[in-house]
Structure formats: structure tokens, C-alpha cells
């Protein structure tokens, strides 16, 4: 489980690096837009699954995480604005 978490962090850092260092390519190429759409979908699904898998957390904590994940999805979705 720890290895999977570490590798997931590495993927997120790689994607963040791409979005910061190559914003033009991420916003205009087919591959960049596909990756950005995938990240948007990832954060939307993550927000939906938060209360399903973390039922033991308080509603306030779950709400805060859902808000954070929706913010992540929204920030990625901004790349699709003209």
C-alpha cells in the first residue's frame, strides 16, 4: 500500500510539473487536453467517492475534503475556458 501511495504522489508531481512548465501544450494539444480532462474527472470521482469510503469521518471533515477535491476539479476545468 505504501508503494502505491508513493507512486501516486510521483504521478501527481509529474502532472503538476507538466502543467506548470508546459501550460501552452497542456491547453492546446490533444494529448494535453486529454490529460487535463482525465485529471478533472479524477478529482470529480474522488469527491464523489469520499463519503462512500470514509463514512467514519465527521460530516464536516468529509465536506471539507469534498470541497477540496471539487476545487481541484474546477482548477483543472479552467484549462478548457477560451
Protein backbone atom coordinates (compact mmCIF):
# COMPACT_ATOMS: atom_id res chain seq x y z
CA UNK A 1 0.00 0.00 0.00
CA UNK A 2 2.83 2.40 0.81
CA UNK A 3 4.50 1.80 -2.56
CA UNK A 4 1.23 2.52 -4.36
CA UNK A 5 0.79 5.76 -2.43
CA UNK A 6 4.35 6.85 -3.21
CA UNK A 7 3.91 6.11 -6.90
CA UNK A 8 0.61 8.00 -6.96
CA UNK A 9 2.36 11.01 -5.42
CA UNK A 10 5.03 10.73 -8.13
CA UNK A 11 2.36 10.74 -10.85
CA UNK A 12 0.70 13.81 -9.33
CA UNK A 13 4.04 15.63 -9.12
CA UNK A 14 4.78 14.74 -12.74
CA UNK A 15 1.39 16.04 -13.87
CA UNK A 16 1.82 19.22 -11.81
CA UNK A 17 5.22 19.74 -13.38
CA UNK A 18 3.78 19.34 -16.87
CA UNK A 19 1.01 21.81 -16.15
CA UNK A 20 3.38 24.40 -14.70
CA UNK A 21 6.26 24.01 -17.15
CA UNK A 22 4.26 23.38 -20.35
CA UNK A 23 0.91 25.17 -19.90
CA UNK A 24 0.54 26.00 -23.59
CA UNK A 25 0.92 22.40 -24.68
CA UNK A 26 -1.41 21.17 -21.94
CA UNK A 27 -4.11 23.62 -23.06
CA UNK A 28 -3.81 23.31 -26.83
CA UNK A 29 -2.64 19.84 -27.86
CA UNK A 30 -4.93 16.81 -27.99
CA UNK A 31 -2.73 14.90 -25.55
CA UNK A 32 -2.55 17.81 -23.12
CA UNK A 33 -6.31 18.35 -23.20
CA UNK A 34 -6.89 14.61 -22.72
CA UNK A 35 -4.59 14.54 -19.69
CA UNK A 36 -6.25 17.63 -18.25
CA UNK A 37 -9.72 16.16 -18.82
CA UNK A 38 -8.57 12.96 -17.13
CA UNK A 39 -7.33 14.87 -14.10
CA UNK A 40 -10.60 16.81 -13.94
CA UNK A 41 -12.54 13.54 -14.00
CA UNK A 42 -10.20 12.04 -11.40
CA UNK A 43 -10.92 14.81 -8.89
CA UNK A 44 -14.68 14.69 -9.59
CA UNK A 45 -14.80 10.93 -9.00
CA UNK A 46 -12.61 11.35 -5.91
CA UNK A 47 -15.09 13.87 -4.49
CA UNK A 48 -18.00 11.50 -5.14
CA UNK A 49 -16.25 8.55 -3.52
CA UNK A 50 -15.12 10.48 -0.41
CA UNK A 51 -18.25 9.86 1.69
CA UNK A 52 -18.63 6.32 0.37
CA UNK A 53 -15.25 5.09 1.57
CA UNK A 54 -14.77 7.40 4.56
CA UNK A 55 -18.11 7.02 6.37
CA UNK A 56 -16.45 7.16 9.77
CA UNK A 57 -15.26 10.74 9.30
CA UNK A 58 -17.47 13.55 10.52
CA UNK A 59 -19.72 15.29 8.01
CA UNK A 60 -17.68 18.46 8.39
CA UNK A 61 -14.42 16.68 7.61
CA UNK A 62 -15.94 14.86 4.65
CA UNK A 63 -17.42 18.14 3.45
CA UNK A 64 -14.03 19.84 3.66
CA UNK A 65 -12.40 17.07 1.64
CA UNK A 66 -15.19 17.11 -0.93
CA UNK A 67 -14.76 20.87 -1.27
CA UNK A 68 -11.00 20.46 -1.71
CA UNK A 69 -11.44 17.79 -4.39
CA UNK A 70 -14.05 19.88 -6.21
CA UNK A 71 -11.62 22.79 -6.14
CA UNK A 72 -9.02 20.54 -7.77
CA UNK A 73 -11.51 19.55 -10.47
CA UNK A 74 -12.51 23.16 -11.01
CA UNK A 75 -8.93 24.33 -11.36
CA UNK A 76 -8.25 21.69 -13.99
CA UNK A 77 -11.51 22.52 -15.76
CA UNK A 78 -10.38 26.15 -16.08
CA UNK A 79 -7.95 24.98 -18.75
CA UNK A 80 -10.93 24.45 -21.06
CA UNK A 81 -12.03 28.09 -20.89
CA UNK A 82 -11.35 30.11 -24.07
